[in-house]
Amino acid sequence: MQEKNRNSANRPDALPIYMQISELVIRDIAAGRLVDGQKLPPEREFAKAHGTTVRTLRKALLELEKKGLLERRQGSGNYVRAGGEVESVYSMFRLELAEGGGGLPTADILSADYLPKDSQQPAYGSSDHGTRFRRLRYLDDVIIAVEEIWLDGGAGKVPRELVQDSLYLTYKRALQLWITRAEDRVGIGQVPDWAPEVFALKPGTTTAYIERLSWAQGSEAVEFSRTWYDTQKALYVQRLI
C-alpha cells in the first residue's frame, strides 16, 4: 500500500491513507488474522510495511484506539483488542483474496449515471429511477471483480465528485444515509458486456455471482447490486461468530 500508488494521492476518490490502514487492520481482526492481545509490529516497521510515515500510521492507530480495537501501552507497544461489533467502512464486504489475507478493498469507478431501473432488478425503493455505479473492484491492487450498484432515486442523488472507494461511506457523507443490513444471494452468472479488458474474465464467461439488496434506516431496501468475481483471485467469505 504505497502512498503514491493507485490507492492514494493520485486518486481523489480514494480513502485517506490512515483510514486505509485502520480498515485493513479491522478486516484482519474480524477474520482472526489478528487476535486479542496480539502485539503489533513496532511503529517504524509497521509504517514501512505500509509504505507510509510514522505520523500517518499513528493517525490510523488513534482511529483504532477510538474504536476500542487497540491498547497503546507506553514503552511497550500497541496491542490488539478484539471482540464485539465495530463499525467499519467495509464491514459488509465479503470478498477476500483467494491466496489468503483479506486485502484492502478499493475500486475504480467506470461510470455513474442516473437512469431508469432495468427489468432484471427486484422491486425496491420508492422510485423507478436510480443512480447506477459500475466499478472495477480490487483487493490490495489485485483486480478481483466487476460490480454494478443501483441506489434508489428516492434515497437521493450523489454528486459524482463526492463518490469514494466506499459507497457506504459516500452515502453517509452525501445523503446522511446509513446502510444497516444486507441480504446476499450467491450463485453463478455471466460476466457483463461492459466489463473492461483489464478484468481477467471476458464478457460472457460464467463465473461466481452475488446479488445484494441493502437496507438503510427504513424498512424498505434502498440499494441493489450485482457482482461478478474471479474465483481464481477471490473467495466469498461469511463468518459466523
Protein backbone atom coordinates (compact mmCIF):
# COMPACT_ATOMS: atom_id res chain seq x y z
CA MET A 1 0.00 0.00 0.00
CA GLN A 2 2.25 2.77 -1.25
CA GLU A 3 1.34 6.39 -0.71
CA LYS A 4 1.84 7.12 -4.41
CA ASN A 5 0.12 4.09 -5.93
CA ARG A 6 -3.44 3.85 -7.27
CA ASN A 7 -4.86 3.79 -3.72
CA SER A 8 -3.74 7.21 -2.64
CA ALA A 9 -3.00 10.80 -3.53
CA ASN A 10 -3.22 10.21 -7.26
CA ARG A 11 -6.88 9.22 -6.85
CA PRO A 12 -9.13 11.88 -5.32
CA ASP A 13 -11.85 9.27 -4.67
CA ALA A 14 -9.58 7.06 -2.54
CA LEU A 15 -9.86 6.90 1.22
CA PRO A 16 -7.12 8.73 3.15
CA ILE A 17 -4.07 6.55 3.79
CA TYR A 18 -4.61 6.45 7.57
CA MET A 19 -8.18 5.19 7.01
CA GLN A 20 -6.96 2.56 4.55
CA ILE A 21 -4.57 1.23 7.20
CA SER A 22 -7.14 1.23 10.00
CA GLU A 23 -9.72 -0.51 7.79
CA LEU A 24 -7.18 -3.16 6.78
CA VAL A 25 -6.42 -3.86 10.46
CA ILE A 26 -10.16 -4.05 11.23
CA ARG A 27 -10.63 -6.63 8.46
CA ASP A 28 -7.70 -8.66 9.81
CA ILE A 29 -9.17 -8.60 13.32
CA ALA A 30 -12.60 -9.65 12.03
CA ALA A 31 -11.01 -12.52 10.10
CA GLY A 32 -8.98 -13.72 13.06
CA ARG A 33 -5.66 -12.94 11.43
CA LEU A 34 -5.02 -10.56 14.32
CA VAL A 35 -6.16 -11.89 17.69
CA ASP A 36 -6.94 -10.32 21.04
CA GLY A 37 -3.79 -9.39 22.93
CA GLN A 38 -1.50 -9.69 19.91
CA LYS A 39 1.26 -7.12 19.77
CA LEU A 40 1.55 -5.15 16.55
CA PRO A 41 4.97 -4.57 14.94
CA PRO A 42 6.98 -1.53 16.11
CA GLU A 43 5.59 1.66 14.61
CA ARG A 44 8.50 2.39 12.29
CA GLU A 45 8.45 -1.17 10.98
CA PHE A 46 4.66 -1.12 10.65
CA ALA A 47 4.73 2.21 8.80
CA LYS A 48 7.42 0.97 6.42
CA ALA A 49 5.42 -2.17 5.65
CA HIS A 50 2.52 0.03 4.56
CA GLY A 51 4.65 2.48 2.62
CA THR A 52 3.72 5.41 4.79
CA THR A 53 5.13 7.67 7.51
CA VAL A 54 5.05 7.08 11.26
CA ARG A 55 2.91 10.20 11.57
CA THR A 56 0.27 8.77 9.21
CA LEU A 57 0.43 5.39 10.91
CA ARG A 58 -0.17 6.96 14.32
CA LYS A 59 -3.28 8.62 12.95
CA ALA A 60 -4.52 5.18 11.91
CA LEU A 61 -3.67 3.74 15.32
CA LEU A 62 -5.59 6.55 17.00
CA GLU A 63 -8.67 5.62 14.94
CA LEU A 64 -8.34 2.02 16.05
CA GLU A 65 -7.93 3.11 19.67
CA LYS A 66 -11.12 5.19 19.44
CA LYS A 67 -12.99 2.13 18.18
CA GLY A 68 -11.73 0.07 21.13
CA LEU A 69 -9.62 -2.19 18.93
CA LEU A 70 -6.20 -1.11 20.18
CA GLU A 71 -4.49 -0.66 23.51
CA ARG A 72 -1.43 1.57 23.39
CA ARG A 73 0.97 0.80 26.26
CA GLN A 74 3.60 3.43 26.92
CA GLY A 75 7.06 1.94 26.48
CA SER A 76 5.67 -1.44 25.44
CA GLY A 77 3.82 -1.07 22.16
CA ASN A 78 0.38 -1.46 20.57
CA TYR A 79 -1.85 -4.43 21.34
CA VAL A 80 -4.98 -5.72 19.58
CA ARG A 81 -8.26 -5.62 21.48
CA ALA A 82 -10.67 -7.86 19.60
CA GLY A 83 -14.28 -8.65 20.38
CA GLY A 84 -17.69 -7.20 19.61
CA GLU A 85 -19.11 -5.48 16.56
CA VAL A 86 -17.16 -2.48 15.31
CA GLU A 87 -18.32 0.00 12.71
CA SER A 88 -16.20 -0.33 9.59
CA VAL A 89 -16.33 1.19 6.14
CA TYR A 90 -16.09 -2.34 4.72
CA SER A 91 -18.00 -4.24 7.39
CA MET A 92 -20.31 -5.82 4.79
CA PHE A 93 -17.66 -6.57 2.17
CA ARG A 94 -17.43 -10.37 1.89
CA LEU A 95 -14.75 -10.97 -0.74
CA GLU A 96 -11.23 -11.87 0.33
CA LEU A 97 -8.08 -12.79 -1.55
CA ALA A 98 -8.05 -16.48 -2.51
CA GLU A 99 -4.34 -16.73 -1.69
CA GLY A 100 -5.04 -15.73 1.91
CA GLY A 101 -5.39 -12.43 3.70
CA GLY A 102 -8.41 -10.23 3.49
CA GLY A 103 -6.91 -7.45 1.42
CA LEU A 104 -7.90 -3.79 1.33
CA PRO A 105 -10.93 -3.19 -0.94
CA THR A 106 -10.66 -0.35 -3.45
CA ALA A 107 -12.45 0.41 -6.70
CA ASP A 108 -12.18 2.27 -9.97
CA ILE A 109 -15.45 3.95 -10.92
CA LEU A 110 -16.21 3.16 -14.54
CA SER A 111 -19.43 5.16 -14.70
CA ALA A 112 -22.06 6.85 -12.54
CA ASP A 113 -25.40 7.62 -14.18
CA TYR A 114 -28.96 8.42 -13.13
CA LEU A 115 -31.18 6.06 -15.14
CA PRO A 116 -34.49 4.17 -15.20
CA LYS A 117 -34.16 0.87 -13.33
CA ASP A 118 -33.92 -2.15 -15.61
CA SER A 119 -36.31 -5.11 -15.66
CA GLN A 120 -33.73 -7.51 -14.18
CA GLN A 121 -33.89 -5.82 -10.78
CA PRO A 122 -36.19 -6.84 -7.92
CA ALA A 123 -38.66 -4.33 -6.54
CA TYR A 124 -37.02 -1.96 -4.04
CA GLY A 125 -37.19 1.67 -3.07
CA SER A 126 -39.80 4.26 -4.00
CA SER A 127 -38.61 5.39 -7.42
CA ASP A 128 -38.46 3.83 -10.88
CA HIS A 129 -35.07 5.53 -11.37
CA GLY A 130 -31.75 5.15 -9.60
CA THR A 131 -28.08 6.05 -9.70
CA ARG A 132 -26.13 3.24 -11.35
CA PHE A 133 -22.47 2.85 -10.43
CA ARG A 134 -20.29 0.49 -12.43
CA ARG A 135 -16.95 -0.32 -10.84
CA LEU A 136 -13.82 -2.41 -11.17
CA ARG A 137 -13.04 -3.88 -7.76
CA TYR A 138 -9.61 -4.55 -6.27
CA LEU A 139 -8.16 -6.19 -3.17
CA ASP A 140 -4.62 -4.95 -2.45
CA ASP A 141 -4.28 -3.80 -6.08
CA VAL A 142 -5.38 -7.22 -7.42
CA ILE A 143 -8.36 -6.95 -9.79
CA ILE A 144 -11.00 -9.35 -8.46
CA ALA A 145 -14.43 -8.28 -9.70
CA VAL A 146 -16.73 -6.04 -11.68
CA GLU A 147 -19.84 -4.73 -9.98
CA GLU A 148 -22.94 -2.73 -10.69
CA ILE A 149 -24.66 -0.91 -7.83
CA TRP A 150 -28.01 0.85 -8.02
CA LEU A 151 -29.06 3.38 -5.38
CA ASP A 152 -32.79 4.05 -5.42
CA GLY A 153 -33.66 7.53 -6.69
CA GLY A 154 -35.89 8.08 -3.68
CA ALA A 155 -32.81 7.92 -1.43
CA GLY A 156 -31.25 10.88 -3.23
CA LYS A 157 -28.56 11.57 -5.82
CA VAL A 158 -24.84 11.51 -5.07
CA PRO A 159 -22.73 14.18 -6.83
CA ARG A 160 -20.06 12.42 -8.89
CA GLU A 161 -17.28 14.43 -7.25
CA LEU A 162 -18.27 13.07 -3.79
CA VAL A 163 -18.10 9.39 -4.76
CA GLN A 164 -15.33 7.49 -2.93
CA ASP A 165 -13.96 3.92 -2.83
CA SER A 166 -16.58 3.05 -0.23
CA LEU A 167 -20.09 3.82 -1.43
CA TYR A 168 -21.47 3.24 2.07
CA LEU A 169 -19.20 5.99 3.36
CA THR A 170 -20.24 8.14 0.38
CA TYR A 171 -23.92 7.67 1.22
CA LYS A 172 -23.30 8.70 4.82
CA ARG A 173 -21.43 11.84 3.91
CA ALA A 174 -23.50 12.97 0.93
CA LEU A 175 -27.02 11.81 1.88
CA GLN A 176 -26.96 11.03 5.62
CA LEU A 177 -27.93 7.51 4.58
CA TRP A 178 -26.66 4.60 6.70
CA ILE A 179 -26.70 1.10 5.21
CA THR A 180 -27.50 -1.09 8.21
CA ARG A 181 -28.11 -4.57 6.77
CA ALA A 182 -27.93 -6.55 3.56
CA GLU A 183 -29.10 -9.82 2.03
CA ASP A 184 -26.80 -11.67 -0.36
CA ARG A 185 -27.72 -14.35 -2.89
CA VAL A 186 -24.72 -16.17 -4.29
CA GLY A 187 -24.75 -18.19 -7.50
CA ILE A 188 -23.26 -18.12 -10.97
CA GLY A 189 -23.72 -15.64 -13.78
CA GLN A 190 -22.16 -14.36 -16.97
CA VAL A 191 -19.65 -11.51 -16.97
CA PRO A 192 -21.44 -8.45 -18.42
CA ASP A 193 -20.58 -6.96 -21.79
CA TRP A 194 -19.38 -3.71 -20.20
CA ALA A 195 -16.56 -5.39 -18.23
CA PRO A 196 -13.25 -3.66 -19.11
CA GLU A 197 -10.43 -5.52 -20.85
CA VAL A 198 -8.24 -5.42 -17.73
CA PHE A 199 -10.68 -7.78 -15.98
CA ALA A 200 -9.28 -11.30 -16.50
CA LEU A 201 -12.67 -12.82 -17.34
CA LYS A 202 -14.08 -11.86 -20.73
CA PRO A 203 -17.72 -10.82 -21.26
CA GLY A 204 -19.99 -13.86 -21.38
CA THR A 205 -17.73 -16.00 -19.19
CA THR A 206 -19.59 -17.93 -16.49
CA THR A 207 -18.32 -17.10 -13.03
CA ALA A 208 -19.34 -16.61 -9.40
CA TYR A 209 -22.03 -14.00 -8.95
CA ILE A 210 -23.55 -12.11 -6.00
CA GLU A 211 -26.85 -10.22 -5.85
CA ARG A 212 -27.37 -7.98 -2.85
CA LEU A 213 -30.27 -5.97 -1.51
CA SER A 214 -29.34 -3.40 1.15
CA TRP A 215 -31.41 -1.51 3.70
CA ALA A 216 -30.81 1.80 5.44
CA GLN A 217 -32.69 3.16 8.43
CA GLY A 218 -36.12 2.31 6.99
CA SER A 219 -37.95 -0.94 6.31
CA GLU A 220 -37.60 -0.78 2.52
CA ALA A 221 -34.41 -1.73 0.64
CA VAL A 222 -32.66 1.25 -0.98
CA GLU A 223 -29.82 -0.39 -2.90
CA PHE A 224 -29.41 -3.32 -5.29
CA SER A 225 -26.07 -4.61 -6.52
CA ARG A 226 -24.62 -7.26 -8.80
CA THR A 227 -21.04 -8.51 -8.51
CA TRP A 228 -19.20 -10.89 -10.82
CA TYR A 229 -15.93 -12.06 -9.28
CA ASP A 230 -12.89 -14.03 -10.40
CA THR A 231 -12.73 -17.21 -8.31
CA GLN A 232 -9.04 -17.61 -9.09
CA LYS A 233 -8.37 -14.33 -7.29
CA ALA A 234 -11.08 -14.04 -4.63
CA LEU A 235 -13.43 -16.02 -2.41
CA TYR A 236 -16.75 -15.10 -0.82
CA VAL A 237 -16.31 -15.43 2.96
CA GLN A 238 -19.09 -15.23 5.56
CA ARG A 239 -18.03 -15.76 9.16
CA LEU A 240 -20.45 -16.90 11.85
CA ILE A 241 -19.45 -15.58 15.26
